[in-house]
Protein backbone atom coordinates (compact mmCIF):
# COMPACT_ATOMS: atom_id res chain seq x y z
CA MET A 1 45.19 25.66 15.90
CA SER A 2 46.30 24.61 12.39
CA VAL A 3 43.96 23.13 9.83
CA ALA A 4 45.99 19.92 9.94
CA THR A 5 45.47 19.69 13.70
CA GLU A 6 41.74 20.37 13.25
CA ALA A 7 41.50 17.59 10.69
CA VAL A 8 43.30 15.09 12.91
CA GLN A 9 41.04 16.02 15.81
CA VAL A 10 37.88 15.47 13.78
CA LYS A 11 39.27 12.22 12.37
CA ASN A 12 39.83 10.95 15.89
CA ILE A 13 36.30 11.95 16.89
CA VAL A 14 34.74 10.27 13.86
CA GLY A 15 36.73 7.19 14.76
CA LYS A 16 34.87 7.03 18.08
CA LEU A 17 31.47 6.79 16.41
CA SER A 18 29.72 3.46 16.48
CA LEU A 19 30.16 1.18 13.49
CA ILE A 20 26.53 1.61 12.45
CA ASP A 21 26.91 5.43 12.43
CA ARG A 22 30.29 5.54 10.73
CA PHE A 23 29.46 3.12 7.94
CA LEU A 24 25.75 3.85 7.51
CA PRO A 25 25.91 3.97 3.67
CA ILE A 26 27.55 0.53 3.65
CA TRP A 27 24.90 -0.93 5.96
CA ILE A 28 22.19 0.52 3.71
CA PHE A 29 23.75 -1.20 0.69
CA VAL A 30 23.92 -4.45 2.67
CA ALA A 31 20.25 -4.06 3.66
CA MET A 32 19.35 -3.45 0.02
CA GLY A 33 21.21 -6.57 -1.08
CA LEU A 34 19.66 -8.67 1.67
CA GLY A 35 16.22 -7.42 0.68
CA VAL A 36 16.72 -8.27 -2.98
CA LEU A 37 17.99 -11.74 -2.03
CA LEU A 38 15.01 -12.24 0.27
CA GLY A 39 12.60 -11.19 -2.48
CA LYS A 40 14.12 -13.59 -4.99
CA SER A 41 14.21 -16.46 -2.52
CA PHE A 42 10.61 -15.93 -1.36
CA PRO A 43 8.54 -14.51 -4.25
CA GLY A 44 5.38 -14.50 -2.13
CA ILE A 45 6.78 -12.12 0.46
CA GLY A 46 4.97 -9.10 -1.01
CA PRO A 47 1.41 -10.42 -0.56
CA ALA A 48 2.36 -11.76 2.87
CA LEU A 49 3.58 -8.33 4.02
CA ASP A 50 0.43 -6.67 2.66
CA ALA A 51 -1.93 -9.04 4.46
CA VAL A 52 -2.48 -6.56 7.32
CA LYS A 53 -2.27 -2.79 6.79
CA LEU A 54 -2.13 0.46 8.74
CA ALA A 55 -3.28 3.49 6.72
CA ASP A 56 -2.72 1.59 3.45
CA VAL A 57 0.80 0.59 4.55
CA SER A 58 1.69 -3.00 5.35
CA LEU A 59 1.74 -3.40 9.14
CA PRO A 60 5.30 -4.82 9.33
CA ILE A 61 6.50 -1.84 7.28
CA ALA A 62 4.47 0.63 9.34
CA ILE A 63 6.08 -0.70 12.52
CA GLY A 64 9.53 -0.09 11.03
CA LEU A 65 8.60 3.42 9.89
CA LEU A 66 7.23 4.38 13.29
CA TRP A 67 10.18 2.90 15.15
CA MET A 68 12.86 4.63 13.08
CA MET A 69 11.20 8.00 13.84
CA TYR A 70 10.48 7.52 17.55
CA PRO A 71 14.05 7.41 18.99
CA VAL A 72 15.04 10.38 16.83
CA LEU A 73 12.16 12.48 18.17
CA ALA A 74 12.73 11.31 21.74
CA LYS A 75 16.15 13.01 21.58
CA VAL A 76 14.85 16.41 20.54
CA ARG A 77 15.25 18.95 23.35
CA TYR A 78 11.83 20.56 23.14
CA GLU A 79 12.51 22.60 26.28
CA THR A 80 15.04 24.69 24.34
CA LEU A 81 12.19 26.38 22.46
CA GLY A 82 11.79 28.65 25.48
CA THR A 83 15.00 30.49 24.49
CA PHE A 84 13.86 31.10 20.90
CA LYS A 85 13.65 34.90 21.27
CA ALA A 86 17.24 35.16 22.48
CA LYS A 87 18.56 34.75 18.92
CA GLY A 88 15.57 35.76 16.83
CA LYS A 89 17.58 36.73 13.73
CA LEU A 90 19.46 33.43 13.68
CA PHE A 91 16.33 31.32 14.05
CA GLY A 92 14.47 33.48 11.54
CA ALA A 93 17.24 32.75 9.03
CA SER A 94 16.97 29.05 9.88
CA LEU A 95 13.23 29.02 9.17
CA PHE A 96 13.83 30.79 5.85
CA PHE A 97 16.50 28.32 4.73
CA ASN A 98 14.60 25.26 5.92
CA TRP A 99 11.04 26.05 4.91
CA ILE A 100 11.35 28.37 1.92
CA LEU A 101 14.74 28.12 0.25
CA GLY A 102 15.46 24.41 0.87
CA PRO A 103 12.28 23.08 -0.78
CA VAL A 104 12.71 25.53 -3.70
CA VAL A 105 16.33 24.48 -4.29
CA MET A 106 15.52 20.76 -4.22
CA PHE A 107 12.49 21.21 -6.45
CA SER A 108 14.56 23.20 -8.97
CA LEU A 109 17.40 20.66 -9.05
CA ALA A 110 15.02 17.71 -9.39
CA TRP A 111 13.04 19.42 -12.12
CA VAL A 112 16.11 20.39 -14.14
CA MET A 113 18.15 17.18 -13.70
CA LEU A 114 15.38 14.58 -13.83
CA PRO A 115 12.93 15.90 -16.45
CA ASP A 116 12.36 12.40 -17.85
CA LEU A 117 12.04 10.60 -14.50
CA PRO A 118 9.03 12.14 -12.73
CA GLU A 119 8.77 9.44 -10.05
CA TYR A 120 12.35 9.95 -8.89
CA ARG A 121 11.85 13.69 -9.16
CA THR A 122 8.90 13.41 -6.80
CA GLY A 123 10.97 11.37 -4.34
CA LEU A 124 13.68 14.03 -4.28
CA ILE A 125 11.14 16.80 -3.75
CA MET A 126 9.79 14.88 -0.76
CA ILE A 127 13.33 14.71 0.67
CA GLY A 128 13.70 18.47 0.22
CA LEU A 129 10.54 19.06 2.24
CA ALA A 130 11.70 16.88 5.16
CA ARG A 131 13.96 19.02 7.31
CA CYS A 132 16.74 17.58 9.43
CA ILE A 133 15.82 16.80 13.05
CA ALA A 134 18.59 14.64 14.48
CA MET A 135 21.86 13.86 12.74
CA VAL A 136 22.48 17.57 12.23
CA LEU A 137 23.38 17.68 15.93
CA LEU A 138 26.25 15.31 15.22
CA TRP A 139 27.58 17.24 12.22
CA ASN A 140 27.27 20.51 14.11
CA MET A 141 29.14 19.12 17.11
CA LEU A 142 31.99 17.77 14.98
CA ALA A 143 32.25 21.16 13.26
CA LYS A 144 32.39 22.96 16.64
CA GLY A 145 29.09 24.74 16.05
CA ASP A 146 26.63 26.16 18.59
CA ASN A 147 25.03 23.08 20.16
CA GLU A 148 22.21 24.97 21.89
CA ALA A 149 21.26 26.87 18.73
CA ALA A 150 21.26 23.63 16.74
CA ALA A 151 19.02 22.00 19.35
CA ILE A 152 16.48 24.82 19.07
CA MET A 153 16.53 24.62 15.25
CA VAL A 154 15.89 20.88 15.45
CA ALA A 155 12.99 21.43 17.85
CA LEU A 156 11.53 24.07 15.53
CA ASN A 157 11.82 21.80 12.50
CA SER A 158 10.15 18.94 14.39
CA LEU A 159 7.10 21.08 15.13
CA PHE A 160 6.97 22.84 11.77
CA GLN A 161 6.97 19.55 9.87
CA ILE A 162 3.63 18.55 11.36
CA VAL A 163 1.92 21.47 9.61
CA MET A 164 4.22 22.56 6.80
CA TYR A 165 5.08 19.21 5.22
CA ALA A 166 1.55 18.56 3.99
CA VAL A 167 1.01 22.15 2.83
CA LEU A 168 4.32 22.40 0.98
CA GLY A 169 4.00 18.84 -0.33
CA TYR A 170 0.67 19.64 -1.93
CA PHE A 171 2.05 22.87 -3.42
CA PHE A 172 5.29 21.43 -4.82
CA LEU A 173 3.81 18.14 -6.02
CA THR A 174 0.41 19.13 -7.38
CA VAL A 175 0.20 22.90 -7.86
CA LEU A 176 3.60 24.21 -8.98
CA PRO A 177 4.14 21.56 -11.72
CA VAL A 178 0.89 22.65 -13.39
CA TRP A 179 2.01 26.28 -13.29
CA LEU A 180 5.36 25.40 -14.87
CA GLU A 181 4.09 23.08 -17.58
CA GLY A 182 0.73 24.68 -18.20
CA THR A 183 -0.93 21.28 -18.27
CA ALA A 184 -2.54 19.08 -15.65
CA THR A 185 0.40 16.69 -15.30
CA ALA A 186 0.81 17.12 -11.59
CA LEU A 187 0.28 14.23 -9.22
CA ASP A 188 -3.27 13.47 -8.21
CA VAL A 189 -2.48 13.62 -4.51
CA SER A 190 -4.66 15.50 -2.07
CA MET A 191 -3.32 17.54 0.83
CA TRP A 192 -5.16 15.20 3.19
CA THR A 193 -3.36 12.15 1.73
CA ILE A 194 -0.01 13.76 2.53
CA ALA A 195 -1.21 15.04 5.90
CA GLN A 196 -2.49 11.60 6.87
CA SER A 197 0.93 10.04 6.32
CA VAL A 198 2.64 12.88 8.19
CA LEU A 199 0.23 12.69 11.13
CA ILE A 200 0.71 8.93 11.44
CA PHE A 201 4.41 8.52 10.74
CA LEU A 202 5.58 11.83 12.26
CA GLY A 203 2.75 12.83 14.60
CA ILE A 204 2.59 9.57 16.54
CA PRO A 205 6.35 9.21 17.15
CA LEU A 206 6.61 12.96 17.84
CA ALA A 207 3.98 12.70 20.58
CA LEU A 208 5.60 9.58 22.01
CA GLY A 209 9.06 11.13 21.80
CA ALA A 210 7.98 14.33 23.55
CA VAL A 211 6.20 12.40 26.31
CA THR A 212 9.21 10.12 26.75
CA ARG A 213 11.55 13.09 27.16
CA ILE A 214 9.26 15.05 29.48
CA VAL A 215 8.57 12.08 31.75
CA GLY A 216 12.13 10.74 31.63
CA VAL A 217 13.75 14.08 32.47
CA ARG A 218 11.22 14.77 35.23
CA LEU A 219 11.66 11.37 36.87
CA LYS A 220 15.38 10.75 36.39
CA GLY A 221 16.92 14.06 35.38
CA ARG A 222 18.41 15.34 32.15
CA ASP A 223 21.85 13.75 32.67
CA TRP A 224 20.33 10.29 33.04
CA TYR A 225 18.05 10.83 30.06
CA ASP A 226 20.79 12.09 27.72
CA ASP A 227 23.67 9.93 28.96
CA VAL A 228 21.97 6.66 29.96
CA LEU A 229 18.62 6.21 28.20
CA MET A 230 19.34 7.82 24.84
CA PRO A 231 22.55 5.85 24.16
CA LYS A 232 20.43 2.70 24.47
CA LEU A 233 17.31 3.90 22.66
CA GLY A 234 18.91 6.11 19.99
CA PRO A 235 20.74 3.44 17.94
CA THR A 236 17.52 1.47 17.45
CA ALA A 237 16.34 4.15 15.01
CA LEU A 238 18.92 2.99 12.47
CA VAL A 239 17.94 -0.60 13.14
CA GLY A 240 14.37 0.39 12.27
CA LEU A 241 15.61 2.11 9.11
CA LEU A 242 17.63 -0.90 7.96
CA TYR A 243 14.74 -3.27 8.78
CA THR A 244 12.43 -1.12 6.64
CA ILE A 245 14.91 -1.05 3.76
CA VAL A 246 15.26 -4.85 3.83
CA LEU A 247 11.49 -5.30 3.55
CA MET A 248 11.19 -2.56 0.97
CA PHE A 249 13.80 -4.06 -1.32
CA SER A 250 12.43 -7.56 -0.86
CA MET A 251 9.31 -6.26 -2.61
CA GLN A 252 11.28 -4.42 -5.29
CA GLY A 253 12.92 -7.70 -6.30
CA GLY A 254 15.24 -7.76 -9.30
CA LYS A 255 14.05 -4.34 -10.42
CA ILE A 256 16.63 -2.64 -8.22
CA VAL A 257 19.60 -4.62 -9.50
CA SER A 258 18.97 -3.38 -13.03
CA LEU A 259 18.88 0.33 -12.12
CA PRO A 260 22.43 1.42 -11.13
CA MET A 261 22.35 4.40 -13.49
CA ASP A 262 19.06 5.53 -12.00
CA VAL A 263 20.66 5.59 -8.55
CA LEU A 264 23.53 7.65 -10.00
CA ARG A 265 21.12 10.13 -11.55
CA ILE A 266 19.25 10.48 -8.26
CA SER A 267 22.55 11.05 -6.46
CA ILE A 268 23.71 13.99 -8.57
CA PRO A 269 20.94 16.48 -7.65
CA LEU A 270 21.15 15.31 -4.03
CA LEU A 271 24.87 16.08 -3.85
CA ALA A 272 24.32 19.41 -5.57
CA TYR A 273 21.61 20.24 -3.03
CA PHE A 274 23.81 19.56 0.00
CA LEU A 275 26.63 21.69 -1.39
CA ILE A 276 24.42 24.60 -2.48
CA MET A 277 22.51 24.77 0.80
CA PHE A 278 25.63 24.53 2.97
CA PHE A 279 27.72 27.14 1.17
CA LEU A 280 24.81 29.51 0.66
CA ALA A 281 23.84 29.32 4.35
CA PHE A 282 27.48 29.82 5.36
CA ALA A 283 27.84 32.90 3.13
CA VAL A 284 24.57 34.45 4.27
CA SER A 285 25.41 33.79 7.92
CA LYS A 286 28.76 35.51 7.53
CA ALA A 287 27.07 38.48 5.82
CA LEU A 288 24.52 38.75 8.64
CA GLY A 289 27.30 38.97 11.21
CA PHE A 290 26.80 35.61 12.95
CA ASN A 291 29.80 34.13 14.71
CA TYR A 292 31.34 30.87 13.55
CA GLN A 293 29.44 28.63 15.95
CA GLU A 294 26.10 30.11 14.88
CA THR A 295 27.14 29.95 11.22
CA ALA A 296 28.02 26.25 11.46
CA ALA A 297 24.77 25.42 13.24
CA LEU A 298 22.69 27.21 10.60
CA SER A 299 24.67 25.77 7.67
CA PHE A 300 24.37 22.13 8.74
CA THR A 301 20.71 22.52 9.67
CA ALA A 302 20.01 24.02 6.25
CA ALA A 303 21.91 21.30 4.39
CA GLY A 304 20.57 18.23 6.21
CA ASN A 305 17.32 16.40 5.62
CA ASN A 306 15.06 14.02 7.51
CA PHE A 307 15.29 11.06 5.16
CA GLU A 308 13.31 8.84 7.55
CA LEU A 309 10.24 11.04 7.15
CA ALA A 310 10.67 11.24 3.37
CA ILE A 311 10.83 7.45 3.17
CA ALA A 312 7.80 7.04 5.45
CA VAL A 313 5.63 9.50 3.51
CA ALA A 314 6.73 8.14 0.12
CA ILE A 315 5.80 4.61 1.20
CA GLY A 316 2.55 5.82 2.75
CA ILE A 317 1.45 7.64 -0.42
CA PHE A 318 3.02 5.69 -3.28
CA GLY A 319 3.72 2.25 -1.82
CA ILE A 320 6.79 0.43 -0.66
CA ALA A 321 7.73 -0.79 -4.15
CA SER A 322 7.43 2.67 -5.71
CA SER A 323 10.16 4.60 -7.51
CA GLU A 324 9.40 7.54 -5.22
CA ALA A 325 10.32 5.42 -2.19
CA LEU A 326 13.49 4.22 -3.92
CA ALA A 327 14.57 7.82 -4.52
CA ALA A 328 14.00 8.61 -0.84
CA VAL A 329 16.21 5.67 0.21
CA VAL A 330 19.10 7.05 -1.85
CA GLY A 331 19.02 10.14 0.39
CA PRO A 332 21.06 8.78 3.33
CA LEU A 333 23.48 7.07 0.95
CA ILE A 334 24.58 10.49 -0.27
CA GLU A 335 23.87 12.66 2.77
CA VAL A 336 26.07 10.85 5.28
CA PRO A 337 29.40 11.00 3.36
CA ALA A 338 28.58 14.47 1.99
CA LEU A 339 27.92 15.98 5.42
CA VAL A 340 31.01 14.31 6.92
CA ALA A 341 33.07 15.94 4.16
CA LEU A 342 31.41 19.28 4.86
CA VAL A 343 32.52 19.06 8.51
CA TYR A 344 36.12 19.26 7.29
CA VAL A 345 35.19 22.08 4.91
CA SER A 346 33.50 23.97 7.75
CA LEU A 347 36.61 23.73 9.94
CA TRP A 348 38.74 25.02 7.07
CA LEU A 349 36.34 27.92 6.52
CA LYS A 350 36.55 28.73 10.21
CA GLN A 351 40.30 29.27 9.90
CA ARG A 352 39.80 31.35 6.75
CA PHE A 353 36.89 33.61 7.76
CA PHE A 354 36.77 33.47 11.58
CA PRO A 355 40.47 33.38 12.56
CA GLY A 356 40.14 35.47 15.71
CA GLU A 357 37.34 33.53 17.37
CA PRO A 358 38.04 31.20 20.31
CA GLU A 359 37.98 27.51 19.64
CA GLY A 360 34.90 26.86 21.76
CA PHE A 361 35.33 23.16 21.12
CA VAL A 362 33.07 20.75 22.98
CA PRO A 363 34.40 17.18 22.65
CA VAL A 364 32.05 14.64 21.20
CA PRO A 365 31.12 12.11 23.87
CA ASP A 366 32.24 8.56 23.68
CA CYS A 367 30.55 6.45 21.02
CA ALA A 368 28.10 5.18 23.60
CA THR A 369 26.67 8.63 24.23
CA GLY A 370 27.03 10.60 21.01
CA PRO A 371 24.02 11.63 18.92
CA ARG A 372 22.80 8.88 16.62
CA SER A 373 20.58 8.32 13.68
CA GLY A 374 18.28 10.42 11.72
CA SER A 375 18.90 13.32 9.50
């Protein structure tokens, strides 16, 4: 199959995605604008939102944070973990890229490119620690990767984040900066503060998502769960994300409008991160002897991030009007178009480095049943 044919095929598939999936960056900009307008029209909205709190987060915001995580985690195929040993080398490489190299690369880029903007730097580091648990399945499918391997990597990342996010967050935000600068300029954030946000905004929806899948599959079967329930429940995650962004930017007010260059500066290390992680994972996978489908699954899992979790933790620790939370929101603005572009790159690399392999193409389901939301 020619590269031109591959590109047309992917273009047709992308065209079947729902409007909210295909134009997610645009909807995020719209949500930002609506939030700013709401904040200017109703200056007292901030105190009103903060009237009732859950773990130091305004209750209306907390509801949005929990809801945008729950559908994503309800889609994770936790039962695939039973086949982990079948491809131990592949999943070992995935754990290395996701939990060692990824955080180091993002930390390095943020530290080098944003030396004068520590709040944004912190927000980017928090994105680097949040590993992709949902939308990677979509990118992998479009790139004709190994769907089962990607599902296991997503399940692993979901479980690892419960423990590793707080540990790595404390190290990269409070310990490593002191080592590098030699002064106590690191954030005064305890491991428990990070863990508390993770346990609430990841632990609760993870438990609910796992129970939903176990009970749903047992009662109705996997086909019903994946093809009937998830197409209805899945899209609400992005609704929760957009709802949270509207409220968040209503509290940021006019501050956001005056910071276009800040958004650009946040975007540059993010884009560099996606490219570095994807191409490095692809090269290492090829060197380790993985086939194309395994290589694509590892590369997209390594490059993607769970921006919902980064936003939730940033708001939980620093507040909804914080610069750290703003940096986290920029994540999906850059990730979605970058990863779509990398799908085309991956298909081109397949022709270049894996020419003899069978196509192994699994068509993306109709827009009503394809994977949705989350990173």
